[in-house]
Amino acid sequence: MRKIGLNISSLRGSVFDVSYARFSNIFWVDASSEHTIDLCLGQIAQKYKVDSTPSAESALEWIADRNDWLMVFDNADGGYQVVEKFFPPGNGGRILITSRNKTLARITSGACLEVTEMGEEEAVTLLLKSAMIDNDSVNVALAAQKLVAALGCIPLAIDQAGAYMLSCGHGLDNYLVLFMEHRAKLMSDKEFTGASLYKYSTYGTWEISIEEINCRAKGENNEQRLAAQSALILHNIFAFLHHDNISGEIFEKAAVNFVKRKSERTNGLPQSISWLDPKTLCLNEDGNWDALQFQAGIKVLLSFSLIRNNGMLYSIHPLIQTWSRDR
């Protein structure tokens, strides 16, 4: 029986090891768009001389006739329909999907693993390996611990930092000073890709998500447009709250108090008061708290892994917060 698994990560392009001895063939597919999938499958057909005119269709038919293969659809952040139609027929192999879009879980029969930030020890190992620095002293270990903490133990950020240090010859302490002074520039520089060879920078991966939400906020589908608009507003607010245990109740109470104190809106700081309009506080046309609109916005942020939830409490990674404020 063919099995389909989903690796949900807050980071696209995470580096992970695969046991090549277990599979007869491993096919790596860039699933960031339908075009890239089609292109990769065509390259597979060409590599294995499947047909005189290589195509995605001929590659899928050829793969379906084989056993014990693994196909990895990497960075499949679009809808599940994008990748599902490219699954090889039959049950001869395994399919692994990496994505930050949780809706893809519906095609995996529950075989879904969410990957968040790394543990400190694992993060230090990745950093030193990426920067090709020997862990030969207590000072190196302590400096590495400080740096991975500043990077939020995010694999892509750590790999990118290691690549920068290796390329520019910076040590751990020097990079940490640079990072604290030029965080936005370093995390946005896609020139320095590490072992993952991922084409986007750490900040770039989140920018792509926001760009997609912005597109939805201007789209023709009214339901999607309103949900995306709510998500963008909530994202801006989350950037300035404490990163953990954010309760939806505080938004509801803010909305209720806003209605009660309309006369006080013009008092105090003009810049902060300007945020407090009905859309910001998820009020409906009648001026009442709109729980459905709030949840619609939350759902969009969750689907792009820009926030996480634990019941009715939400959290946002500190590095995502700093990126939001750096934009």
Protein backbone atom coordinates (compact mmCIF):
# COMPACT_ATOMS: atom_id res chain seq x y z
CA MET A 1 0.00 0.00 0.00
CA ARG A 2 1.34 3.41 -0.94
CA LYS A 3 1.77 5.72 2.04
CA ILE A 4 1.68 9.51 1.98
CA GLY A 5 3.28 11.53 4.76
CA LEU A 6 3.31 15.24 5.46
CA ASN A 7 6.09 17.14 7.21
CA ILE A 8 4.62 20.44 8.39
CA SER A 9 7.34 22.93 9.20
CA SER A 10 7.50 26.63 9.96
CA LEU A 11 10.46 26.56 7.65
CA ARG A 12 10.60 25.49 4.11
CA GLY A 13 13.70 23.69 2.86
CA SER A 14 14.69 22.13 6.17
CA VAL A 15 17.62 19.75 5.94
CA PHE A 16 16.83 16.16 6.87
CA ASP A 17 18.51 12.82 6.28
CA VAL A 18 16.99 10.01 4.25
CA SER A 19 18.17 6.41 4.31
CA TYR A 20 19.04 5.84 0.67
CA ALA A 21 19.63 2.15 1.31
CA ARG A 22 15.95 1.69 2.06
CA PHE A 23 14.66 2.80 -1.35
CA SER A 24 15.52 1.76 -4.88
CA ASN A 25 15.06 5.34 -6.10
CA ILE A 26 14.48 8.70 -4.45
CA PHE A 27 12.83 11.40 -6.58
CA TRP A 28 13.09 14.97 -5.30
CA VAL A 29 10.46 17.35 -6.70
CA ASP A 30 10.29 21.12 -6.21
CA ALA A 31 6.59 21.45 -5.43
CA SER A 32 6.48 25.22 -4.92
CA SER A 33 4.22 25.49 -7.99
CA GLU A 34 2.56 23.31 -10.61
CA HIS A 35 5.14 24.53 -13.12
CA THR A 36 8.13 23.44 -11.01
CA ILE A 37 6.55 20.03 -10.41
CA ASP A 38 6.00 19.52 -14.11
CA LEU A 39 9.57 20.64 -14.83
CA CYS A 40 11.12 18.29 -12.24
CA LEU A 41 9.12 15.30 -13.45
CA GLY A 42 10.18 16.05 -17.02
CA GLN A 43 13.82 16.07 -15.87
CA ILE A 44 13.29 12.69 -14.18
CA ALA A 45 11.90 11.29 -17.43
CA GLN A 46 14.88 12.67 -19.32
CA LYS A 47 17.45 11.37 -16.81
CA TYR A 48 16.13 7.81 -16.95
CA LYS A 49 15.46 7.95 -20.72
CA VAL A 50 11.83 7.08 -20.11
CA ASP A 51 10.50 8.30 -23.45
CA SER A 52 11.65 9.96 -26.64
CA THR A 53 9.64 13.01 -25.58
CA PRO A 54 10.14 13.33 -21.79
CA SER A 55 7.13 14.62 -19.86
CA ALA A 56 5.58 14.56 -16.43
CA GLU A 57 3.07 11.95 -17.57
CA SER A 58 5.72 9.58 -18.90
CA ALA A 59 7.76 9.97 -15.70
CA LEU A 60 4.77 9.12 -13.49
CA GLU A 61 3.92 6.05 -15.58
CA TRP A 62 7.53 4.86 -15.40
CA ILE A 63 7.71 5.37 -11.63
CA ALA A 64 4.39 3.55 -11.14
CA ASP A 65 5.88 0.40 -12.72
CA ARG A 66 8.59 0.26 -10.06
CA ASN A 67 8.69 -0.63 -6.38
CA ASP A 68 10.30 0.71 -3.20
CA TRP A 69 10.69 4.27 -4.44
CA LEU A 70 10.36 7.49 -2.45
CA MET A 71 9.01 10.69 -4.00
CA VAL A 72 9.55 13.90 -2.03
CA PHE A 73 7.33 16.86 -2.89
CA ASP A 74 9.33 19.67 -1.29
CA ASN A 75 7.90 23.09 -0.34
CA ALA A 76 4.32 22.25 -1.36
CA ASP A 77 2.77 25.34 0.18
CA GLY A 78 -0.10 25.63 -2.30
CA GLY A 79 -3.38 23.74 -2.16
CA TYR A 80 -3.45 19.96 -1.90
CA GLN A 81 -4.91 19.82 -5.41
CA VAL A 82 -1.58 21.05 -6.83
CA VAL A 83 0.43 18.01 -5.72
CA GLU A 84 -2.26 15.33 -5.55
CA LYS A 85 -2.71 15.12 -9.30
CA PHE A 86 1.02 14.37 -9.67
CA PHE A 87 0.99 11.29 -7.45
CA PRO A 88 2.17 8.19 -9.33
CA PRO A 89 -0.61 5.60 -9.62
CA GLY A 90 -0.36 2.30 -7.77
CA ASN A 91 1.08 1.33 -4.40
CA GLY A 92 4.71 0.64 -5.21
CA GLY A 93 6.33 3.44 -3.26
CA ARG A 94 6.14 6.15 -0.63
CA ILE A 95 5.34 9.85 -0.91
CA LEU A 96 6.65 12.52 1.46
CA ILE A 97 5.39 16.09 1.32
CA THR A 98 7.09 19.02 3.06
CA SER A 99 4.88 22.03 3.51
CA ARG A 100 3.89 24.86 5.81
CA ASN A 101 0.27 24.55 4.66
CA LYS A 102 -1.58 22.41 7.19
CA THR A 103 -4.51 21.80 4.84
CA LEU A 104 -2.40 19.21 3.00
CA ALA A 105 -2.89 16.92 5.98
CA ARG A 106 -6.24 15.91 4.49
CA ILE A 107 -4.52 13.77 1.83
CA THR A 108 -2.20 11.91 4.22
CA SER A 109 -4.70 9.84 6.23
CA GLY A 110 -3.32 11.33 9.41
CA ALA A 111 0.37 10.61 8.68
CA CYS A 112 1.43 14.13 9.57
CA LEU A 113 4.37 15.40 11.61
CA GLU A 114 4.75 19.04 12.63
CA VAL A 115 8.35 20.21 12.91
CA THR A 116 9.04 23.43 14.76
CA GLU A 117 12.30 24.81 16.10
CA MET A 118 15.23 22.55 16.97
CA GLY A 119 16.52 21.72 20.42
CA GLU A 120 19.58 23.66 21.53
CA GLU A 121 22.05 20.78 21.23
CA GLU A 122 20.81 19.84 17.78
CA ALA A 123 20.83 23.49 16.68
CA VAL A 124 24.45 23.97 17.86
CA THR A 125 25.51 20.85 15.94
CA LEU A 126 23.86 22.15 12.75
CA LEU A 127 25.44 25.60 13.13
CA LEU A 128 28.98 24.31 13.64
CA LYS A 129 28.61 21.80 10.81
CA SER A 130 27.26 24.46 8.43
CA ALA A 131 30.03 26.93 9.36
CA MET A 132 32.65 24.13 9.42
CA ILE A 133 33.77 25.11 12.92
CA ASP A 134 35.22 22.51 15.29
CA ASN A 135 33.54 22.25 18.67
CA ASP A 136 36.89 22.01 20.44
CA SER A 137 36.45 24.32 23.42
CA VAL A 138 33.97 25.52 26.00
CA ASN A 139 34.14 29.02 24.49
CA VAL A 140 33.04 27.74 21.08
CA ALA A 141 30.12 25.86 22.61
CA LEU A 142 28.98 28.88 24.64
CA ALA A 143 29.25 31.23 21.65
CA ALA A 144 27.28 28.78 19.50
CA GLN A 145 24.58 28.50 22.17
CA LYS A 146 24.19 32.28 22.28
CA LEU A 147 23.92 32.49 18.50
CA VAL A 148 21.35 29.71 18.03
CA ALA A 149 19.27 31.28 20.82
CA ALA A 150 19.32 34.60 18.93
CA LEU A 151 18.28 32.73 15.77
CA GLY A 152 15.38 31.10 17.60
CA CYS A 153 16.73 27.59 16.88
CA ILE A 154 15.16 27.77 13.40
CA PRO A 155 17.00 25.34 11.08
CA LEU A 156 16.92 27.54 7.97
CA ALA A 157 18.16 30.60 9.88
CA ILE A 158 20.95 28.55 11.47
CA ASP A 159 21.98 27.01 8.15
CA GLN A 160 21.97 30.45 6.52
CA ALA A 161 24.10 31.91 9.34
CA GLY A 162 26.58 29.06 9.03
CA ALA A 163 26.86 29.58 5.27
CA TYR A 164 27.53 33.30 5.81
CA MET A 165 30.26 32.64 8.38
CA LEU A 166 31.89 30.05 6.15
CA SER A 167 31.79 32.32 3.10
CA CYS A 168 32.92 35.52 4.84
CA GLY A 169 35.28 34.04 7.40
CA HIS A 170 33.43 35.41 10.43
CA GLY A 171 33.62 33.72 13.81
CA LEU A 172 30.65 33.00 16.05
CA ASP A 173 31.06 36.10 18.21
CA ASN A 174 31.57 38.38 15.21
CA TYR A 175 28.47 37.05 13.48
CA LEU A 176 26.37 37.51 16.62
CA VAL A 177 27.40 41.20 16.78
CA LEU A 178 26.59 41.60 13.08
CA PHE A 179 23.26 39.83 13.53
CA MET A 180 22.18 42.10 16.38
CA GLU A 181 23.06 45.20 14.32
CA HIS A 182 21.98 44.07 10.83
CA ARG A 183 19.43 41.32 11.49
CA ALA A 184 17.03 42.26 8.68
CA LYS A 185 19.76 42.41 6.03
CA LEU A 186 21.39 39.12 7.05
CA MET A 187 18.13 37.20 7.26
CA SER A 188 16.96 38.61 3.91
CA ASP A 189 20.16 37.83 1.98
CA LYS A 190 19.41 34.80 -0.19
CA GLU A 191 22.99 34.73 -1.54
CA PHE A 192 24.03 32.64 1.45
CA THR A 193 22.25 29.29 1.27
CA GLY A 194 23.63 26.45 3.32
CA ALA A 195 23.41 22.71 2.90
CA SER A 196 19.67 22.92 2.19
CA LEU A 197 20.35 24.82 -1.06
CA TYR A 198 16.96 26.42 -0.51
CA LYS A 199 16.44 29.34 -2.88
CA TYR A 200 14.84 31.70 -0.35
CA SER A 201 16.30 33.40 2.70
CA THR A 202 14.81 32.99 6.17
CA TYR A 203 12.89 36.24 5.93
CA GLY A 204 12.15 35.52 2.27
CA THR A 205 10.10 32.42 3.13
CA TRP A 206 7.79 34.47 5.33
CA GLU A 207 7.62 37.30 2.78
CA ILE A 208 6.28 34.81 0.22
CA SER A 209 3.53 33.83 2.66
CA ILE A 210 2.56 37.45 3.29
CA GLU A 211 2.58 38.15 -0.45
CA GLU A 212 0.14 35.29 -0.99
CA ILE A 213 -2.14 36.54 1.79
CA ASN A 214 -1.97 40.05 0.27
CA CYS A 215 -3.04 38.61 -3.09
CA ARG A 216 -6.00 36.89 -1.45
CA ALA A 217 -6.90 40.14 0.31
CA LYS A 218 -7.34 41.74 -3.12
CA GLY A 219 -9.02 38.77 -4.78
CA GLU A 220 -12.53 38.36 -6.13
CA ASN A 221 -13.64 35.66 -3.69
CA ASN A 222 -15.37 37.67 -0.96
CA GLU A 223 -14.93 35.06 1.79
CA GLN A 224 -11.23 34.56 1.07
CA ARG A 225 -10.69 38.30 0.72
CA LEU A 226 -12.20 39.11 4.13
CA ALA A 227 -10.33 36.25 5.81
CA ALA A 228 -7.02 37.41 4.31
CA GLN A 229 -7.66 41.02 5.32
CA SER A 230 -8.36 39.88 8.87
CA ALA A 231 -5.18 37.75 8.83
CA LEU A 232 -3.01 40.70 7.80
CA ILE A 233 -4.40 42.86 10.59
CA LEU A 234 -3.99 40.13 13.19
CA HIS A 235 -0.45 39.43 11.98
CA ASN A 236 0.50 43.07 12.59
CA ILE A 237 -0.96 42.94 16.10
CA PHE A 238 0.69 39.61 16.97
CA ALA A 239 4.07 41.17 16.12
CA PHE A 240 3.81 43.48 19.15
CA LEU A 241 2.33 41.12 21.73
CA HIS A 242 4.20 38.70 23.97
CA HIS A 243 5.00 35.79 21.68
CA ASP A 244 3.40 33.04 23.77
CA ASN A 245 -0.04 32.21 25.23
CA ILE A 246 -1.93 34.86 23.28
CA SER A 247 -5.62 34.47 24.07
CA GLY A 248 -8.34 35.22 21.55
CA GLU A 249 -10.30 36.61 24.47
CA ILE A 250 -8.12 39.74 24.60
CA PHE A 251 -9.24 40.63 21.06
CA GLU A 252 -12.89 40.15 21.99
CA LYS A 253 -12.54 42.27 25.14
CA ALA A 254 -10.75 45.00 23.16
CA ALA A 255 -13.62 45.03 20.66
CA VAL A 256 -16.27 45.24 23.39
CA ASN A 257 -14.44 48.02 25.22
CA PHE A 258 -13.92 49.89 21.97
CA VAL A 259 -17.66 49.98 21.37
CA LYS A 260 -18.30 51.15 24.93
CA ARG A 261 -15.73 53.94 24.72
CA LYS A 262 -16.33 55.44 21.29
CA SER A 263 -16.19 58.91 22.79
CA GLU A 264 -12.62 58.35 23.98
CA ARG A 265 -11.17 57.30 20.63
CA THR A 266 -9.70 60.70 19.87
CA ASN A 267 -7.90 61.02 23.21
CA GLY A 268 -4.36 59.82 23.91
CA LEU A 269 -1.76 58.89 21.31
CA PRO A 270 -3.07 59.46 17.74
CA GLN A 271 -0.84 56.78 16.20
CA SER A 272 -1.96 54.01 18.55
CA ILE A 273 -5.60 55.07 18.44
CA SER A 274 -5.55 54.94 14.63
CA TRP A 275 -5.23 51.14 14.85
CA LEU A 276 -8.49 50.85 16.71
CA ASP A 277 -10.98 50.82 13.88
CA PRO A 278 -13.76 48.23 13.38
CA LYS A 279 -11.72 46.09 10.97
CA THR A 280 -8.78 45.91 13.35
CA LEU A 281 -11.01 44.70 16.16
CA CYS A 282 -13.05 42.26 14.03
CA LEU A 283 -16.32 44.15 14.44
CA ASN A 284 -19.20 43.40 12.11
CA GLU A 285 -21.41 45.95 10.36
CA ASP A 286 -23.55 46.29 13.50
CA GLY A 287 -20.50 47.17 15.58
CA ASN A 288 -20.45 43.86 17.46
CA TRP A 289 -17.62 41.37 17.96
CA ASP A 290 -17.41 39.05 14.94
CA ALA A 291 -15.97 35.76 16.20
CA LEU A 292 -16.26 34.14 12.77
CA GLN A 293 -14.20 36.87 11.12
CA PHE A 294 -11.55 36.60 13.83
CA GLN A 295 -11.34 32.82 13.42
CA ALA A 296 -11.17 33.17 9.63
CA GLY A 297 -8.09 35.37 9.98
CA ILE A 298 -6.54 33.03 12.53
CA LYS A 299 -7.15 30.08 10.21
CA VAL A 300 -5.20 31.79 7.41
CA LEU A 301 -2.23 32.53 9.69
CA LEU A 302 -2.24 28.94 10.96
CA SER A 303 -2.37 27.55 7.43
CA PHE A 304 0.85 29.43 6.57
CA SER A 305 2.46 28.45 9.91
CA LEU A 306 2.93 32.11 10.82
CA ILE A 307 1.40 31.30 14.20
CA ARG A 308 0.72 28.13 16.20
CA ASN A 309 -2.18 27.22 18.42
CA ASN A 310 -2.75 25.21 21.55
CA GLY A 311 -6.50 25.12 21.94
CA MET A 312 -7.66 28.74 22.17
CA LEU A 313 -4.17 30.05 22.94
CA TYR A 314 -1.87 31.19 20.15
CA SER A 315 1.88 31.74 19.85
CA ILE A 316 4.20 33.29 17.31
CA HIS A 317 7.91 32.53 16.97
CA PRO A 318 10.06 35.43 18.29
CA LEU A 319 12.04 35.56 15.03
CA ILE A 320 8.80 35.89 13.03
CA GLN A 321 7.89 38.75 15.34
CA THR A 322 11.20 40.53 14.73
CA TRP A 323 10.83 39.99 10.96
CA SER A 324 7.33 41.50 11.13
CA ARG A 325 8.66 44.55 12.94
CA ASP A 326 11.69 44.79 10.60
CA ARG A 327 9.50 44.92 7.46
